Amino acid sequence: MVEPKFEDGVWVCPVCGFKAMSKKVVEQHIQKEHSSEAQSKKESGGEKPQAKKKESGKEAKKEASRQKSRKSEKSGCVTKRSFKLGKTEVRLWDYEHLDVKEQRAWLMFQNRNYVAGLHKQKVRVKLITGDEFEGLLKARDPYFVSLVTPNGKVVINKAHILYIKPLEKAGKGGG
């Protein structure tokens, strides 16, 4: 058997120049590619496998499409594999098929108008500065609210509101 050589920090196959960081990988390469059995298989059936590949090209495509459809049928298949690096064991979970859903759900919180239910109601609004306002709330905009107060109209950015307290309940007489 041919022995791998160590050159410039990597192991090299002396037959074909295959390089790897691990001596074991190069040894496996030599066994697989350059052993006497592998050479005899290549020499005896060199042209026949290529001819079979050309003929069975359509069959290979059909088989590949079948495998793809099988993978699409599977949802969330997980395989576990582990290996050692020195004294440390590394465990990996491989997800063969992973469904990625629409990631824009967080936008709902960015522009959702949660105070729209208080539209055209009398409310007390406290700001982060400590100021308080009472008036009729108009909440059509996703970022601002408008208060109609006895002193005039006030437009407030929702980011500066500490709380909104309804003074009258809508649709119910008194409360």
N, C-alpha and C. Protein backbone atom coordinates (compact mmCIF):
# COMPACT_ATOMS: atom_id res chain seq x y z
N MET A 1 0.83 -1.18 0.00
CA MET A 1 0.00 0.00 0.00
C MET A 1 0.88 1.25 0.00
N VAL A 2 0.42 2.28 -0.70
CA VAL A 2 1.14 3.54 -0.80
C VAL A 2 0.91 4.34 0.48
N GLU A 3 1.94 4.94 1.03
CA GLU A 3 1.82 5.74 2.25
C GLU A 3 1.69 7.22 1.92
N PRO A 4 0.83 7.96 2.62
CA PRO A 4 0.70 9.40 2.38
C PRO A 4 1.94 10.15 2.88
N LYS A 5 2.21 11.29 2.26
CA LYS A 5 3.35 12.14 2.64
C LYS A 5 2.84 13.39 3.33
N PHE A 6 3.64 13.89 4.29
CA PHE A 6 3.29 15.12 4.99
C PHE A 6 4.11 16.26 4.40
N GLU A 7 3.45 17.19 3.72
CA GLU A 7 4.13 18.31 3.07
C GLU A 7 3.42 19.61 3.40
N ASP A 8 4.15 20.60 3.84
CA ASP A 8 3.63 21.95 4.10
C ASP A 8 2.39 21.96 4.99
N GLY A 9 2.37 21.12 6.01
CA GLY A 9 1.27 21.12 6.96
C GLY A 9 0.04 20.34 6.53
N VAL A 10 0.09 19.65 5.38
CA VAL A 10 -1.04 18.84 4.93
C VAL A 10 -0.54 17.48 4.49
N TRP A 11 -1.43 16.50 4.50
CA TRP A 11 -1.10 15.16 4.03
C TRP A 11 -1.44 15.07 2.55
N VAL A 12 -0.52 14.44 1.77
CA VAL A 12 -0.67 14.40 0.32
C VAL A 12 -0.61 12.96 -0.16
N CYS A 13 -1.50 12.63 -1.11
CA CYS A 13 -1.46 11.32 -1.76
C CYS A 13 -0.33 11.37 -2.79
N PRO A 14 0.66 10.46 -2.71
CA PRO A 14 1.78 10.51 -3.66
C PRO A 14 1.39 10.09 -5.08
N VAL A 15 0.27 9.43 -5.25
CA VAL A 15 -0.16 8.96 -6.57
C VAL A 15 -0.80 10.09 -7.38
N CYS A 16 -1.79 10.76 -6.77
CA CYS A 16 -2.54 11.75 -7.55
C CYS A 16 -2.43 13.17 -7.01
N GLY A 17 -1.86 13.37 -5.84
CA GLY A 17 -1.71 14.71 -5.29
C GLY A 17 -2.90 15.17 -4.45
N PHE A 18 -3.82 14.27 -4.11
CA PHE A 18 -4.96 14.61 -3.26
C PHE A 18 -4.44 15.09 -1.91
N LYS A 19 -5.00 16.21 -1.41
CA LYS A 19 -4.53 16.79 -0.15
C LYS A 19 -5.65 16.82 0.87
N ALA A 20 -5.27 16.59 2.14
CA ALA A 20 -6.23 16.67 3.25
C ALA A 20 -5.47 17.00 4.52
N MET A 21 -6.19 17.52 5.50
CA MET A 21 -5.58 17.88 6.78
C MET A 21 -5.33 16.65 7.65
N SER A 22 -6.04 15.57 7.38
CA SER A 22 -5.94 14.37 8.20
C SER A 22 -5.25 13.24 7.44
N LYS A 23 -4.35 12.56 8.12
CA LYS A 23 -3.67 11.42 7.50
C LYS A 23 -4.67 10.30 7.22
N LYS A 24 -5.63 10.13 8.13
CA LYS A 24 -6.62 9.07 7.97
C LYS A 24 -7.46 9.27 6.71
N VAL A 25 -7.80 10.53 6.41
CA VAL A 25 -8.59 10.82 5.21
C VAL A 25 -7.81 10.45 3.96
N VAL A 26 -6.53 10.78 3.93
CA VAL A 26 -5.70 10.46 2.77
C VAL A 26 -5.54 8.95 2.65
N GLU A 27 -5.39 8.25 3.77
CA GLU A 27 -5.28 6.79 3.73
C GLU A 27 -6.57 6.16 3.16
N GLN A 28 -7.71 6.68 3.59
CA GLN A 28 -8.97 6.17 3.06
C GLN A 28 -9.09 6.46 1.57
N HIS A 29 -8.63 7.64 1.14
CA HIS A 29 -8.63 7.99 -0.28
C HIS A 29 -7.77 7.00 -1.06
N ILE A 30 -6.60 6.68 -0.55
CA ILE A 30 -5.70 5.75 -1.24
C ILE A 30 -6.34 4.36 -1.34
N GLN A 31 -6.96 3.91 -0.25
CA GLN A 31 -7.62 2.61 -0.28
C GLN A 31 -8.75 2.58 -1.31
N LYS A 32 -9.52 3.65 -1.36
CA LYS A 32 -10.67 3.69 -2.24
C LYS A 32 -10.28 3.87 -3.70
N GLU A 33 -9.36 4.77 -3.97
CA GLU A 33 -9.03 5.14 -5.35
C GLU A 33 -7.84 4.40 -5.95
N HIS A 34 -6.88 4.03 -5.13
CA HIS A 34 -5.62 3.51 -5.69
C HIS A 34 -5.30 2.08 -5.25
N SER A 35 -6.25 1.37 -4.64
CA SER A 35 -5.97 -0.02 -4.25
C SER A 35 -6.02 -0.89 -5.51
N SER A 36 -5.47 -2.10 -5.43
CA SER A 36 -5.41 -2.99 -6.60
C SER A 36 -6.80 -3.41 -7.05
N GLU A 37 -7.75 -3.58 -6.12
CA GLU A 37 -9.12 -3.96 -6.48
C GLU A 37 -9.81 -2.82 -7.24
N ALA A 38 -9.62 -1.59 -6.78
CA ALA A 38 -10.25 -0.44 -7.43
C ALA A 38 -9.68 -0.25 -8.83
N GLN A 39 -8.36 -0.47 -8.96
CA GLN A 39 -7.73 -0.34 -10.28
C GLN A 39 -8.27 -1.39 -11.24
N SER A 40 -8.43 -2.62 -10.74
CA SER A 40 -8.91 -3.69 -11.63
C SER A 40 -10.36 -3.45 -12.05
N LYS A 41 -11.18 -2.91 -11.15
CA LYS A 41 -12.57 -2.60 -11.50
C LYS A 41 -12.64 -1.51 -12.55
N LYS A 42 -11.78 -0.52 -12.42
CA LYS A 42 -11.77 0.58 -13.39
C LYS A 42 -11.31 0.10 -14.76
N GLU A 43 -10.29 -0.77 -14.77
CA GLU A 43 -9.75 -1.26 -16.04
C GLU A 43 -10.72 -2.21 -16.73
N SER A 44 -11.38 -3.11 -15.96
CA SER A 44 -12.25 -4.10 -16.59
C SER A 44 -13.55 -3.49 -17.11
N GLY A 45 -14.12 -2.54 -16.42
CA GLY A 45 -15.39 -1.99 -16.86
C GLY A 45 -15.30 -0.50 -17.12
N GLY A 46 -14.26 -0.05 -17.75
CA GLY A 46 -14.05 1.39 -17.94
C GLY A 46 -15.10 2.06 -18.79
N GLU A 47 -15.49 1.46 -19.95
CA GLU A 47 -16.41 2.13 -20.85
C GLU A 47 -17.86 1.73 -20.61
N LYS A 48 -18.09 0.56 -20.08
CA LYS A 48 -19.46 0.07 -19.91
C LYS A 48 -20.28 0.92 -18.93
N PRO A 49 -19.76 1.31 -17.76
CA PRO A 49 -20.59 2.13 -16.87
C PRO A 49 -20.99 3.45 -17.49
N GLN A 50 -20.12 4.04 -18.32
CA GLN A 50 -20.46 5.31 -18.96
C GLN A 50 -21.62 5.12 -19.93
N ALA A 51 -21.61 4.01 -20.67
CA ALA A 51 -22.69 3.74 -21.61
C ALA A 51 -24.01 3.54 -20.86
N LYS A 52 -23.97 2.85 -19.72
CA LYS A 52 -25.16 2.65 -18.92
C LYS A 52 -25.69 3.97 -18.40
N LYS A 53 -24.80 4.86 -18.04
CA LYS A 53 -25.22 6.17 -17.52
C LYS A 53 -25.96 6.95 -18.59
N LYS A 54 -25.50 6.88 -19.83
CA LYS A 54 -26.16 7.60 -20.90
C LYS A 54 -27.55 7.04 -21.16
N GLU A 55 -27.67 5.71 -21.13
CA GLU A 55 -28.95 5.08 -21.39
C GLU A 55 -29.94 5.34 -20.26
N SER A 56 -29.44 5.30 -19.04
CA SER A 56 -30.34 5.43 -17.89
C SER A 56 -30.42 6.87 -17.38
N GLY A 57 -30.12 7.83 -18.21
CA GLY A 57 -30.20 9.23 -17.81
C GLY A 57 -31.62 9.64 -17.45
N LYS A 58 -32.59 9.19 -18.26
CA LYS A 58 -34.00 9.51 -17.99
C LYS A 58 -34.45 8.83 -16.71
N GLU A 59 -34.02 7.59 -16.50
CA GLU A 59 -34.40 6.87 -15.29
C GLU A 59 -33.80 7.54 -14.06
N ALA A 60 -32.58 8.03 -14.17
CA ALA A 60 -31.93 8.71 -13.04
C ALA A 60 -32.68 9.99 -12.70
N LYS A 61 -33.16 10.71 -13.72
CA LYS A 61 -33.92 11.94 -13.48
C LYS A 61 -35.24 11.61 -12.78
N LYS A 62 -35.89 10.52 -13.22
CA LYS A 62 -37.14 10.13 -12.59
C LYS A 62 -36.92 9.77 -11.12
N GLU A 63 -35.84 9.02 -10.87
CA GLU A 63 -35.53 8.62 -9.49
C GLU A 63 -35.22 9.84 -8.63
N ALA A 64 -34.50 10.80 -9.19
CA ALA A 64 -34.18 12.03 -8.45
C ALA A 64 -35.45 12.80 -8.11
N SER A 65 -36.37 12.88 -9.07
CA SER A 65 -37.63 13.59 -8.80
C SER A 65 -38.46 12.85 -7.75
N ARG A 66 -38.41 11.51 -7.75
CA ARG A 66 -39.11 10.74 -6.72
C ARG A 66 -38.54 11.03 -5.34
N GLN A 67 -37.20 11.09 -5.26
CA GLN A 67 -36.57 11.38 -3.98
C GLN A 67 -36.91 12.78 -3.51
N LYS A 68 -36.97 13.74 -4.43
CA LYS A 68 -37.33 15.11 -4.05
C LYS A 68 -38.75 15.14 -3.52
N SER A 69 -39.66 14.41 -4.17
CA SER A 69 -41.04 14.40 -3.71
C SER A 69 -41.15 13.73 -2.35
N ARG A 70 -40.34 12.70 -2.12
CA ARG A 70 -40.33 12.07 -0.80
C ARG A 70 -39.84 13.04 0.26
N LYS A 71 -38.81 13.82 -0.08
CA LYS A 71 -38.29 14.79 0.88
C LYS A 71 -39.33 15.86 1.17
N SER A 72 -40.09 16.26 0.16
CA SER A 72 -41.09 17.29 0.40
C SER A 72 -42.23 16.75 1.26
N GLU A 73 -42.48 15.43 1.18
CA GLU A 73 -43.51 14.84 2.02
C GLU A 73 -43.09 14.84 3.48
N LYS A 74 -41.80 14.64 3.72
CA LYS A 74 -41.31 14.63 5.08
C LYS A 74 -41.29 16.07 5.59
N SER A 75 -41.66 16.24 6.83
CA SER A 75 -41.58 17.58 7.38
C SER A 75 -40.86 17.49 8.72
N GLY A 76 -39.72 18.15 8.79
CA GLY A 76 -39.01 18.22 10.04
C GLY A 76 -38.22 16.98 10.39
N CYS A 77 -37.72 16.22 9.42
CA CYS A 77 -36.90 15.06 9.72
C CYS A 77 -35.57 15.52 10.30
N VAL A 78 -35.20 14.92 11.41
CA VAL A 78 -33.99 15.34 12.09
C VAL A 78 -33.11 14.12 12.29
N THR A 79 -31.83 14.24 11.96
CA THR A 79 -30.88 13.19 12.25
C THR A 79 -29.81 13.75 13.16
N LYS A 80 -29.36 12.91 14.06
CA LYS A 80 -28.36 13.34 15.02
C LYS A 80 -27.03 12.70 14.65
N ARG A 81 -25.98 13.48 14.65
CA ARG A 81 -24.65 12.91 14.43
C ARG A 81 -23.69 13.58 15.40
N SER A 82 -22.64 12.87 15.72
CA SER A 82 -21.66 13.43 16.65
C SER A 82 -20.26 12.99 16.23
N PHE A 83 -19.29 13.79 16.61
CA PHE A 83 -17.90 13.47 16.35
C PHE A 83 -17.05 14.10 17.44
N LYS A 84 -15.79 13.69 17.52
CA LYS A 84 -14.92 14.19 18.57
C LYS A 84 -13.83 15.09 18.00
N LEU A 85 -13.60 16.17 18.70
CA LEU A 85 -12.47 17.06 18.42
C LEU A 85 -11.61 17.05 19.67
N GLY A 86 -10.55 16.27 19.64
CA GLY A 86 -9.74 16.12 20.86
C GLY A 86 -10.56 15.39 21.91
N LYS A 87 -10.71 16.02 23.08
CA LYS A 87 -11.50 15.42 24.15
C LYS A 87 -12.96 15.88 24.11
N THR A 88 -13.27 16.80 23.23
CA THR A 88 -14.61 17.36 23.17
C THR A 88 -15.46 16.61 22.15
N GLU A 89 -16.67 16.21 22.58
CA GLU A 89 -17.60 15.58 21.66
C GLU A 89 -18.57 16.64 21.15
N VAL A 90 -18.69 16.75 19.83
CA VAL A 90 -19.57 17.71 19.19
C VAL A 90 -20.79 16.96 18.69
N ARG A 91 -21.98 17.41 19.11
CA ARG A 91 -23.23 16.78 18.69
C ARG A 91 -23.97 17.75 17.78
N LEU A 92 -24.37 17.26 16.62
CA LEU A 92 -25.07 18.09 15.65
C LEU A 92 -26.42 17.48 15.33
N TRP A 93 -27.39 18.35 15.14
CA TRP A 93 -28.71 17.94 14.70
C TRP A 93 -28.87 18.43 13.27
N ASP A 94 -28.99 17.52 12.33
CA ASP A 94 -29.15 17.88 10.92
C ASP A 94 -30.62 17.84 10.56
N TYR A 95 -31.11 18.94 10.02
CA TYR A 95 -32.49 19.02 9.59
C TYR A 95 -32.52 18.77 8.09
N GLU A 96 -33.08 17.60 7.70
CA GLU A 96 -33.11 17.25 6.29
C GLU A 96 -34.08 18.15 5.53
N HIS A 97 -35.20 18.44 6.16
CA HIS A 97 -36.20 19.30 5.52
C HIS A 97 -36.67 20.30 6.55
N LEU A 98 -36.58 21.57 6.22
CA LEU A 98 -36.95 22.62 7.16
C LEU A 98 -37.91 23.57 6.49
N ASP A 99 -39.09 23.70 7.05
CA ASP A 99 -40.07 24.63 6.49
C ASP A 99 -39.79 26.02 7.03
N VAL A 100 -39.53 26.96 6.14
CA VAL A 100 -39.30 28.34 6.54
C VAL A 100 -40.56 29.12 6.22
N LYS A 101 -41.14 29.68 7.23
CA LYS A 101 -42.39 30.40 7.05
C LYS A 101 -42.10 31.88 6.90
N GLU A 102 -43.12 32.62 6.53
CA GLU A 102 -42.99 34.07 6.36
C GLU A 102 -42.54 34.70 7.67
N GLN A 103 -41.47 35.47 7.61
CA GLN A 103 -40.88 36.04 8.81
C GLN A 103 -41.32 37.48 9.04
N ARG A 104 -42.42 37.89 8.48
CA ARG A 104 -42.86 39.27 8.64
C ARG A 104 -43.91 39.43 9.74
N ALA A 105 -44.11 38.42 10.54
CA ALA A 105 -45.14 38.48 11.57
C ALA A 105 -44.85 39.60 12.57
N TRP A 106 -43.59 39.89 12.81
CA TRP A 106 -43.24 40.94 13.77
C TRP A 106 -43.72 42.32 13.31
N LEU A 107 -43.97 42.50 11.99
CA LEU A 107 -44.44 43.79 11.50
C LEU A 107 -45.82 44.13 12.06
N MET A 108 -46.57 43.10 12.47
CA MET A 108 -47.88 43.34 13.05
C MET A 108 -47.74 44.26 14.26
N PHE A 109 -46.70 44.07 15.06
CA PHE A 109 -46.52 44.87 16.26
C PHE A 109 -45.99 46.26 15.93
N GLN A 110 -45.33 46.38 14.80
CA GLN A 110 -44.74 47.66 14.44
C GLN A 110 -45.80 48.69 14.06
N ASN A 111 -46.81 48.29 13.32
CA ASN A 111 -47.77 49.28 12.85
C ASN A 111 -49.22 48.94 13.19
N ARG A 112 -49.46 48.01 14.06
CA ARG A 112 -50.83 47.66 14.44
C ARG A 112 -51.41 48.79 15.28
N ASN A 113 -52.61 49.19 14.99
CA ASN A 113 -53.25 50.30 15.70
C ASN A 113 -54.09 49.72 16.84
N TYR A 114 -53.45 49.53 18.01
CA TYR A 114 -54.13 48.91 19.14
C TYR A 114 -55.14 49.83 19.80
N VAL A 115 -55.01 51.14 19.64
CA VAL A 115 -55.93 52.07 20.29
C VAL A 115 -57.10 52.44 19.39
N ALA A 116 -57.22 51.80 18.24
CA ALA A 116 -58.31 52.12 17.32
C ALA A 116 -59.66 51.83 17.95
N GLY A 117 -59.71 50.92 18.91
CA GLY A 117 -60.96 50.62 19.60
C GLY A 117 -61.43 51.77 20.48
N LEU A 118 -60.53 52.68 20.80
CA LEU A 118 -60.88 53.84 21.62
C LEU A 118 -61.21 55.08 20.78
N HIS A 119 -61.31 54.91 19.48
CA HIS A 119 -61.56 56.04 18.58
C HIS A 119 -62.90 56.70 18.94
N LYS A 120 -62.89 58.02 19.01
CA LYS A 120 -64.04 58.86 19.34
C LYS A 120 -64.58 58.59 20.74
N GLN A 121 -63.67 58.36 21.69
CA GLN A 121 -64.06 58.22 23.10
C GLN A 121 -63.30 59.25 23.91
N LYS A 122 -63.87 59.60 25.06
CA LYS A 122 -63.17 60.50 25.98
C LYS A 122 -62.18 59.68 26.78
N VAL A 123 -60.93 60.16 26.80
CA VAL A 123 -59.85 59.43 27.46
C VAL A 123 -58.94 60.39 28.22
N ARG A 124 -58.16 59.82 29.13
CA ARG A 124 -57.08 60.54 29.79
C ARG A 124 -55.78 59.89 29.31
N VAL A 125 -54.85 60.70 28.78
CA VAL A 125 -53.59 60.21 28.23
C VAL A 125 -52.46 60.76 29.09
N LYS A 126 -51.59 59.86 29.58
CA LYS A 126 -50.41 60.30 30.34
C LYS A 126 -49.19 60.03 29.49
N LEU A 127 -48.34 61.04 29.35
CA LEU A 127 -47.13 60.92 28.55
C LEU A 127 -45.94 60.55 29.43
N ILE A 128 -44.84 60.14 28.81
CA ILE A 128 -43.65 59.76 29.56
C ILE A 128 -43.01 60.97 30.24
N THR A 129 -43.37 62.17 29.81
CA THR A 129 -42.85 63.38 30.45
C THR A 129 -43.60 63.70 31.73
N GLY A 130 -44.73 63.02 31.96
CA GLY A 130 -45.55 63.28 33.15
C GLY A 130 -46.77 64.13 32.84
N ASP A 131 -46.85 64.73 31.67
CA ASP A 131 -48.00 65.54 31.30
C ASP A 131 -49.23 64.66 31.10
N GLU A 132 -50.41 65.18 31.48
CA GLU A 132 -51.66 64.46 31.28
C GLU A 132 -52.62 65.33 30.49
N PHE A 133 -53.33 64.67 29.58
CA PHE A 133 -54.32 65.36 28.75
C PHE A 133 -55.63 64.59 28.81
N GLU A 134 -56.75 65.32 28.78
CA GLU A 134 -58.07 64.71 28.67
C GLU A 134 -58.75 65.27 27.45
N GLY A 135 -59.44 64.39 26.73
CA GLY A 135 -60.15 64.86 25.56
C GLY A 135 -60.71 63.71 24.75
N LEU A 136 -61.20 64.07 23.58
CA LEU A 136 -61.78 63.10 22.66
C LEU A 136 -60.64 62.52 21.80
N LEU A 137 -60.47 61.20 21.84
CA LEU A 137 -59.35 60.54 21.14
C LEU A 137 -59.74 60.24 19.70
N LYS A 138 -58.84 60.57 18.78
CA LYS A 138 -58.98 60.17 17.39
C LYS A 138 -57.75 59.33 17.06
N ALA A 139 -57.97 58.05 16.76
CA ALA A 139 -56.86 57.11 16.65
C ALA A 139 -56.90 56.35 15.33
N ARG A 140 -56.88 57.05 14.24
CA ARG A 140 -56.88 56.37 12.94
C ARG A 140 -55.47 56.06 12.47
N ASP A 141 -54.51 56.85 12.85
CA ASP A 141 -53.12 56.70 12.40
C ASP A 141 -52.42 55.63 13.22
N PRO A 142 -51.56 54.81 12.60
CA PRO A 142 -50.86 53.77 13.37
C PRO A 142 -49.75 54.32 14.27
N TYR A 143 -49.29 55.54 14.06
CA TYR A 143 -48.16 56.07 14.82
C TYR A 143 -48.52 57.25 15.71
N PHE A 144 -49.61 57.94 15.45
CA PHE A 144 -49.99 59.12 16.21
C PHE A 144 -51.43 59.01 16.67
N VAL A 145 -51.76 59.69 17.77
CA VAL A 145 -53.14 59.87 18.19
C VAL A 145 -53.40 61.37 18.26
N SER A 146 -54.64 61.72 18.04
CA SER A 146 -55.03 63.12 18.11
C SER A 146 -56.04 63.26 19.24
N LEU A 147 -55.84 64.26 20.09
CA LEU A 147 -56.76 64.53 21.19
C LEU A 147 -57.41 65.88 20.95
N VAL A 148 -58.72 65.91 21.00
CA VAL A 148 -59.44 67.17 20.91
C VAL A 148 -59.75 67.58 22.35
N THR A 149 -59.02 68.58 22.83
CA THR A 149 -59.15 69.06 24.20
C THR A 149 -59.89 70.40 24.20
N PRO A 150 -60.32 70.86 25.37
CA PRO A 150 -60.96 72.18 25.43
C PRO A 150 -60.00 73.30 24.99
N ASN A 151 -58.71 73.10 25.11
CA ASN A 151 -57.71 74.10 24.72
C ASN A 151 -57.33 74.00 23.24
N GLY A 152 -57.77 72.97 22.56
CA GLY A 152 -57.43 72.79 21.15
C GLY A 152 -57.01 71.36 20.85
N LYS A 153 -56.57 71.16 19.63
CA LYS A 153 -56.18 69.82 19.16
C LYS A 153 -54.72 69.55 19.52
N VAL A 154 -54.44 68.34 20.03
CA VAL A 154 -53.07 67.93 20.37
C VAL A 154 -52.79 66.62 19.63
N VAL A 155 -51.68 66.60 18.89
CA VAL A 155 -51.25 65.39 18.18
C VAL A 155 -50.07 64.80 18.96
N ILE A 156 -50.20 63.53 19.33
CA ILE A 156 -49.19 62.88 20.19
C ILE A 156 -48.66 61.64 19.49
N ASN A 157 -47.34 61.49 19.51
CA ASN A 157 -46.72 60.28 18.99
C ASN A 157 -46.98 59.16 20.00
N LYS A 158 -47.39 57.98 19.52
CA LYS A 158 -47.73 56.87 20.40
C LYS A 158 -46.53 56.38 21.21
N ALA A 159 -45.33 56.60 20.70
CA ALA A 159 -44.14 56.15 21.42
C ALA A 159 -43.96 56.91 22.73
N HIS A 160 -44.59 58.08 22.87
CA HIS A 160 -44.42 58.91 24.06
C HIS A 160 -45.56 58.75 25.05
N ILE A 161 -46.49 57.83 24.77
CA ILE A 161 -47.64 57.64 25.65
C ILE A 161 -47.30 56.57 26.69
N LEU A 162 -47.51 56.91 27.95
CA LEU A 162 -47.32 55.96 29.03
C LEU A 162 -48.57 55.09 29.19
N TYR A 163 -49.73 55.74 29.26
CA TYR A 163 -50.98 54.98 29.28
C TYR A 163 -52.12 55.83 28.73
N ILE A 164 -53.19 55.12 28.32
CA ILE A 164 -54.43 55.75 27.88
C ILE A 164 -55.55 55.14 28.72
N LYS A 165 -56.27 56.00 29.44
CA LYS A 165 -57.35 55.52 30.31
C LYS A 165 -58.68 56.03 29.78
N PRO A 166 -59.59 55.11 29.39
CA PRO A 166 -60.91 55.55 28.93
C PRO A 166 -61.72 56.15 30.09
N LEU A 167 -62.37 57.28 29.84
CA LEU A 167 -63.19 57.91 30.87
C LEU A 167 -64.64 57.47 30.77
N GLU A 168 -65.11 57.13 29.59
CA GLU A 168 -66.46 56.61 29.39
C GLU A 168 -66.36 55.32 28.59
N LYS A 169 -67.20 54.37 28.91
CA LYS A 169 -67.19 53.12 28.15
C LYS A 169 -68.11 53.26 26.97
N ALA A 170 -67.64 52.82 25.80
CA ALA A 170 -68.42 52.97 24.57
C ALA A 170 -69.59 52.00 24.56
N GLY A 171 -70.74 52.49 24.14
CA GLY A 171 -71.91 51.63 23.96
C GLY A 171 -72.65 51.32 25.24
N LYS A 172 -72.15 51.76 26.38
CA LYS A 172 -72.82 51.47 27.66
C LYS A 172 -73.16 52.79 28.32
N GLY A 173 -74.34 52.91 28.77
CA GLY A 173 -74.78 54.15 29.37
C GLY A 173 -74.31 54.30 30.81
N GLY A 174 -73.28 55.10 31.02
CA GLY A 174 -72.75 55.36 32.38
C GLY A 174 -71.86 54.23 32.84
N GLY A 175 -71.06 54.51 33.84
CA GLY A 175 -70.20 53.43 34.27
C GLY A 175 -69.26 53.76 35.29
